[in-house]
């Protein structure tokens, strides 16, 4: 779940942005498609993490397969919440490090 959470916050956006850079010709087109494709890829990947969390809860015995109570499944957080928060913090730290230490200043300014 930890690796999957990092993939959700770092791997998927980077992979989608790279794929779009190969498919698009202009930076405007790349930007507009990224606004749609990155969140869509994250939404499509998230159910795999939820399934993995439910499987973990089944294995440790916190959730029984015969129980069909969806509310109980959502109340039992499992470790996924912690992994998602920690990986989001790592992704934000990596983004800020890139912006302030490794990123180049653009040749033009907006204002």
N, C-alpha and C. Protein backbone atom coordinates (compact mmCIF):
# COMPACT_ATOMS: atom_id res chain seq x y z
N UNK A 1 0.83 -1.19 0.00
CA UNK A 1 0.00 0.00 0.00
C UNK A 1 0.87 1.25 0.00
N UNK A 2 2.02 1.18 0.65
CA UNK A 2 2.92 2.33 0.66
C UNK A 2 3.44 2.65 -0.72
N UNK A 3 3.87 1.64 -1.45
CA UNK A 3 4.35 1.85 -2.81
C UNK A 3 3.21 2.32 -3.71
N UNK A 4 2.04 1.73 -3.54
CA UNK A 4 0.88 2.14 -4.33
C UNK A 4 0.50 3.59 -4.07
N UNK A 5 0.61 4.03 -2.82
CA UNK A 5 0.31 5.42 -2.49
C UNK A 5 1.31 6.37 -3.13
N UNK A 6 2.59 5.98 -3.13
CA UNK A 6 3.59 6.81 -3.80
C UNK A 6 3.36 6.84 -5.31
N UNK A 7 2.95 5.72 -5.86
CA UNK A 7 2.63 5.69 -7.28
C UNK A 7 1.46 6.62 -7.57
N UNK A 8 0.47 6.62 -6.69
CA UNK A 8 -0.70 7.48 -6.88
C UNK A 8 -0.31 8.95 -6.91
N UNK A 9 0.54 9.39 -5.99
CA UNK A 9 0.86 10.81 -5.87
C UNK A 9 2.03 11.25 -6.75
N UNK A 10 2.97 10.36 -7.04
CA UNK A 10 4.16 10.77 -7.79
C UNK A 10 4.25 10.06 -9.14
N UNK A 11 4.12 8.75 -9.13
CA UNK A 11 4.32 7.97 -10.35
C UNK A 11 3.30 8.23 -11.44
N UNK A 12 2.03 8.22 -11.07
CA UNK A 12 0.98 8.45 -12.07
C UNK A 12 1.06 9.85 -12.69
N UNK A 13 1.15 10.91 -11.89
CA UNK A 13 1.26 12.23 -12.52
C UNK A 13 2.50 12.36 -13.41
N UNK A 14 3.64 11.85 -12.95
CA UNK A 14 4.85 11.93 -13.77
C UNK A 14 4.70 11.11 -15.05
N UNK A 15 4.15 9.92 -14.93
CA UNK A 15 3.96 9.08 -16.11
C UNK A 15 2.98 9.66 -17.11
N UNK A 16 1.88 10.20 -16.61
CA UNK A 16 0.90 10.81 -17.51
C UNK A 16 1.48 12.06 -18.18
N UNK A 17 2.19 12.87 -17.41
CA UNK A 17 2.81 14.07 -18.01
C UNK A 17 3.85 13.69 -19.06
N UNK A 18 4.62 12.63 -18.80
CA UNK A 18 5.60 12.19 -19.79
C UNK A 18 4.90 11.68 -21.05
N UNK A 19 3.85 10.87 -20.86
CA UNK A 19 3.12 10.33 -22.01
C UNK A 19 2.49 11.45 -22.83
N UNK A 20 1.94 12.45 -22.15
CA UNK A 20 1.35 13.58 -22.87
C UNK A 20 2.41 14.39 -23.60
N UNK A 21 3.61 14.47 -23.05
CA UNK A 21 4.67 15.20 -23.75
C UNK A 21 5.06 14.51 -25.05
N UNK A 22 4.90 13.19 -25.09
CA UNK A 22 5.19 12.45 -26.33
C UNK A 22 4.05 12.58 -27.34
N UNK A 23 2.84 12.82 -26.85
CA UNK A 23 1.68 12.84 -27.73
C UNK A 23 1.29 14.23 -28.22
N UNK A 24 1.63 15.27 -27.48
CA UNK A 24 1.19 16.62 -27.83
C UNK A 24 2.32 17.39 -28.49
N UNK A 25 1.92 18.43 -29.22
CA UNK A 25 2.90 19.23 -29.94
C UNK A 25 3.11 20.60 -29.31
N UNK A 26 2.09 21.14 -28.65
CA UNK A 26 2.24 22.47 -28.05
C UNK A 26 2.11 22.38 -26.54
N UNK A 27 2.70 23.36 -25.88
CA UNK A 27 2.63 23.36 -24.42
C UNK A 27 1.21 23.65 -23.93
N UNK A 28 0.45 24.41 -24.68
CA UNK A 28 -0.93 24.68 -24.29
C UNK A 28 -1.77 23.41 -24.34
N UNK A 29 -1.62 22.66 -25.39
CA UNK A 29 -2.34 21.40 -25.52
C UNK A 29 -1.91 20.43 -24.41
N UNK A 30 -0.64 20.38 -24.12
CA UNK A 30 -0.12 19.52 -23.06
C UNK A 30 -0.72 19.91 -21.71
N UNK A 31 -0.77 21.20 -21.42
CA UNK A 31 -1.31 21.69 -20.16
C UNK A 31 -2.79 21.36 -20.02
N UNK A 32 -3.56 21.62 -21.06
CA UNK A 32 -5.00 21.37 -20.99
C UNK A 32 -5.33 19.89 -20.87
N UNK A 33 -4.61 19.05 -21.60
CA UNK A 33 -4.85 17.61 -21.48
C UNK A 33 -4.40 17.09 -20.12
N UNK A 34 -3.33 17.67 -19.56
CA UNK A 34 -2.85 17.23 -18.25
C UNK A 34 -3.86 17.56 -17.16
N UNK A 35 -4.56 18.68 -17.30
CA UNK A 35 -5.58 19.05 -16.32
C UNK A 35 -6.69 18.00 -16.22
N UNK A 36 -6.92 17.31 -17.31
CA UNK A 36 -7.96 16.28 -17.33
C UNK A 36 -7.37 14.89 -17.07
N UNK A 37 -6.26 14.58 -17.69
CA UNK A 37 -5.72 13.22 -17.66
C UNK A 37 -5.12 12.83 -16.31
N UNK A 38 -4.43 13.73 -15.64
CA UNK A 38 -3.78 13.38 -14.37
C UNK A 38 -4.82 13.05 -13.30
N UNK A 39 -5.82 13.91 -13.04
CA UNK A 39 -6.83 13.51 -12.05
C UNK A 39 -7.61 12.26 -12.46
N UNK A 40 -7.87 12.10 -13.75
CA UNK A 40 -8.60 10.92 -14.21
C UNK A 40 -7.79 9.65 -13.94
N UNK A 41 -6.50 9.69 -14.19
CA UNK A 41 -5.65 8.52 -13.92
C UNK A 41 -5.60 8.21 -12.42
N UNK A 42 -5.57 9.25 -11.60
CA UNK A 42 -5.54 9.03 -10.15
C UNK A 42 -6.87 8.43 -9.67
N UNK A 43 -7.97 8.91 -10.21
CA UNK A 43 -9.28 8.37 -9.83
C UNK A 43 -9.42 6.91 -10.29
N UNK A 44 -8.88 6.58 -11.44
CA UNK A 44 -8.96 5.22 -11.94
C UNK A 44 -8.05 4.27 -11.15
N UNK A 45 -6.96 4.78 -10.58
CA UNK A 45 -6.03 3.94 -9.83
C UNK A 45 -6.46 3.76 -8.37
N UNK A 46 -7.20 4.70 -7.81
CA UNK A 46 -7.58 4.67 -6.40
C UNK A 46 -8.36 3.42 -6.00
N UNK A 47 -9.29 2.90 -6.80
CA UNK A 47 -10.00 1.68 -6.37
C UNK A 47 -9.06 0.49 -6.12
N UNK A 48 -7.94 0.43 -6.81
CA UNK A 48 -6.98 -0.65 -6.55
C UNK A 48 -6.43 -0.54 -5.13
N UNK A 49 -6.17 0.68 -4.68
CA UNK A 49 -5.69 0.86 -3.31
C UNK A 49 -6.77 0.54 -2.30
N UNK A 50 -8.01 0.91 -2.58
CA UNK A 50 -9.12 0.58 -1.67
C UNK A 50 -9.32 -0.93 -1.59
N UNK A 51 -9.19 -1.61 -2.71
CA UNK A 51 -9.31 -3.06 -2.73
C UNK A 51 -8.18 -3.69 -1.91
N UNK A 52 -6.97 -3.18 -2.07
CA UNK A 52 -5.83 -3.70 -1.31
C UNK A 52 -6.02 -3.47 0.18
N UNK A 53 -6.56 -2.34 0.57
CA UNK A 53 -6.83 -2.05 1.97
C UNK A 53 -7.90 -3.02 2.52
N UNK A 54 -8.95 -3.26 1.76
CA UNK A 54 -9.99 -4.20 2.18
C UNK A 54 -9.42 -5.61 2.30
N UNK A 55 -8.54 -5.98 1.38
CA UNK A 55 -7.90 -7.30 1.45
C UNK A 55 -7.05 -7.40 2.71
N UNK A 56 -6.33 -6.35 3.04
CA UNK A 56 -5.54 -6.34 4.27
C UNK A 56 -6.43 -6.51 5.49
N UNK A 57 -7.55 -5.80 5.52
CA UNK A 57 -8.47 -5.91 6.65
C UNK A 57 -9.06 -7.32 6.75
N UNK A 58 -9.29 -7.98 5.61
CA UNK A 58 -9.76 -9.37 5.62
C UNK A 58 -8.69 -10.30 6.17
N UNK A 59 -7.45 -10.10 5.77
CA UNK A 59 -6.37 -10.98 6.19
C UNK A 59 -6.12 -10.88 7.69
N UNK A 60 -6.16 -9.67 8.24
CA UNK A 60 -5.89 -9.54 9.68
C UNK A 60 -7.13 -9.86 10.52
N UNK A 61 -8.26 -10.06 9.89
CA UNK A 61 -9.47 -10.45 10.61
C UNK A 61 -10.33 -9.31 11.09
N UNK A 62 -10.02 -8.09 10.73
CA UNK A 62 -10.84 -6.96 11.14
C UNK A 62 -12.13 -6.88 10.35
N UNK A 63 -12.17 -7.53 9.22
CA UNK A 63 -13.35 -7.54 8.36
C UNK A 63 -13.62 -8.99 7.97
N UNK A 64 -14.84 -9.42 8.10
CA UNK A 64 -15.18 -10.80 7.76
C UNK A 64 -15.83 -10.82 6.38
N UNK A 65 -15.50 -11.82 5.56
CA UNK A 65 -16.06 -11.87 4.20
C UNK A 65 -17.57 -12.02 4.16
N UNK A 66 -18.16 -12.64 5.19
CA UNK A 66 -19.61 -12.83 5.16
C UNK A 66 -20.37 -11.55 5.49
N UNK A 67 -19.68 -10.57 6.08
CA UNK A 67 -20.34 -9.30 6.38
C UNK A 67 -20.41 -8.46 5.12
N UNK A 68 -21.59 -8.00 4.83
CA UNK A 68 -21.78 -7.20 3.62
C UNK A 68 -22.15 -5.77 4.00
N UNK A 69 -21.62 -5.29 5.08
CA UNK A 69 -21.94 -3.96 5.57
C UNK A 69 -20.92 -2.96 5.02
N UNK A 70 -21.34 -2.18 4.04
CA UNK A 70 -20.43 -1.20 3.43
C UNK A 70 -20.02 -0.12 4.43
N UNK A 71 -20.93 0.26 5.33
CA UNK A 71 -20.59 1.30 6.31
C UNK A 71 -19.46 0.85 7.21
N UNK A 72 -19.48 -0.42 7.61
CA UNK A 72 -18.42 -0.93 8.48
C UNK A 72 -17.08 -0.92 7.75
N UNK A 73 -17.08 -1.22 6.48
CA UNK A 73 -15.84 -1.23 5.71
C UNK A 73 -15.22 0.17 5.66
N UNK A 74 -16.04 1.19 5.57
CA UNK A 74 -15.52 2.56 5.52
C UNK A 74 -15.09 3.05 6.91
N UNK A 75 -15.73 2.55 7.97
CA UNK A 75 -15.34 2.95 9.32
C UNK A 75 -13.98 2.37 9.70
N UNK A 76 -13.68 1.18 9.23
CA UNK A 76 -12.38 0.57 9.50
C UNK A 76 -11.37 1.16 8.53
N UNK A 77 -10.59 2.11 9.00
CA UNK A 77 -9.69 2.81 8.10
C UNK A 77 -8.58 1.96 7.56
N UNK A 78 -7.96 1.16 8.41
CA UNK A 78 -6.80 0.40 7.97
C UNK A 78 -5.61 1.33 7.78
N UNK A 79 -4.52 0.79 7.29
CA UNK A 79 -3.31 1.60 7.15
C UNK A 79 -3.32 2.50 5.91
N UNK A 80 -4.31 2.38 5.06
CA UNK A 80 -4.30 3.15 3.82
C UNK A 80 -4.32 4.65 4.07
N UNK A 81 -5.08 5.09 5.06
CA UNK A 81 -5.14 6.53 5.34
C UNK A 81 -3.77 7.09 5.69
N UNK A 82 -3.05 6.39 6.56
CA UNK A 82 -1.72 6.84 6.95
C UNK A 82 -0.79 6.87 5.74
N UNK A 83 -0.84 5.82 4.93
CA UNK A 83 0.02 5.78 3.74
C UNK A 83 -0.30 6.92 2.77
N UNK A 84 -1.58 7.21 2.59
CA UNK A 84 -1.96 8.28 1.67
C UNK A 84 -1.50 9.64 2.17
N UNK A 85 -1.68 9.90 3.47
CA UNK A 85 -1.22 11.19 4.02
C UNK A 85 0.30 11.31 3.96
N UNK A 86 1.01 10.26 4.33
CA UNK A 86 2.47 10.31 4.32
C UNK A 86 3.01 10.46 2.90
N UNK A 87 2.44 9.74 1.95
CA UNK A 87 2.93 9.85 0.57
C UNK A 87 2.55 11.19 -0.04
N UNK A 88 1.42 11.76 0.36
CA UNK A 88 1.07 13.10 -0.12
C UNK A 88 2.08 14.13 0.41
N UNK A 89 2.46 14.01 1.67
CA UNK A 89 3.45 14.92 2.25
C UNK A 89 4.80 14.77 1.52
N UNK A 90 5.19 13.54 1.21
CA UNK A 90 6.44 13.32 0.46
C UNK A 90 6.36 13.91 -0.94
N UNK A 91 5.21 13.76 -1.58
CA UNK A 91 5.05 14.32 -2.92
C UNK A 91 5.11 15.84 -2.89
N UNK A 92 4.49 16.46 -1.90
CA UNK A 92 4.56 17.92 -1.79
C UNK A 92 5.97 18.39 -1.48
N UNK A 93 6.68 17.66 -0.64
CA UNK A 93 8.07 18.01 -0.34
C UNK A 93 8.93 17.89 -1.59
N UNK A 94 8.72 16.84 -2.38
CA UNK A 94 9.47 16.67 -3.62
C UNK A 94 9.14 17.78 -4.61
N UNK A 95 7.88 18.18 -4.70
CA UNK A 95 7.49 19.27 -5.59
C UNK A 95 8.14 20.58 -5.18
N UNK A 96 8.10 20.89 -3.88
CA UNK A 96 8.72 22.12 -3.40
C UNK A 96 10.23 22.11 -3.59
N UNK A 97 10.86 20.96 -3.37
CA UNK A 97 12.31 20.85 -3.62
C UNK A 97 12.63 21.08 -5.08
N UNK A 98 11.79 20.54 -5.95
CA UNK A 98 12.01 20.74 -7.39
C UNK A 98 11.85 22.22 -7.75
N UNK A 99 10.81 22.83 -7.26
CA UNK A 99 10.54 24.23 -7.60
C UNK A 99 11.67 25.15 -7.10
N UNK A 100 12.09 24.97 -5.86
CA UNK A 100 13.03 25.92 -5.26
C UNK A 100 14.50 25.59 -5.52
N UNK A 101 14.86 24.33 -5.75
CA UNK A 101 16.27 23.98 -5.85
C UNK A 101 16.69 23.47 -7.22
N UNK A 102 15.81 22.79 -7.95
CA UNK A 102 16.22 22.15 -9.19
C UNK A 102 15.57 22.74 -10.44
N UNK A 103 14.43 23.35 -10.30
CA UNK A 103 13.71 23.87 -11.46
C UNK A 103 14.37 25.12 -12.01
N UNK A 104 14.27 25.27 -13.31
CA UNK A 104 14.82 26.45 -13.95
C UNK A 104 13.79 27.56 -13.97
N UNK A 105 14.28 28.76 -13.90
CA UNK A 105 13.37 29.90 -14.00
C UNK A 105 12.92 30.04 -15.45
N UNK A 106 11.62 30.23 -15.67
CA UNK A 106 11.16 30.35 -17.04
C UNK A 106 11.74 31.61 -17.69
N UNK A 107 11.92 31.59 -19.00
CA UNK A 107 12.52 32.74 -19.69
C UNK A 107 11.62 33.96 -19.75
N UNK A 108 10.36 33.83 -19.44
CA UNK A 108 9.43 34.95 -19.48
C UNK A 108 8.57 34.93 -18.22
N UNK A 109 7.96 36.03 -17.93
CA UNK A 109 7.07 36.09 -16.78
C UNK A 109 5.65 36.39 -17.24
N UNK A 110 4.70 36.05 -16.41
CA UNK A 110 3.29 36.24 -16.77
C UNK A 110 2.90 37.70 -16.61
N UNK A 111 3.43 38.39 -15.62
CA UNK A 111 3.04 39.77 -15.41
C UNK A 111 3.93 40.70 -16.06
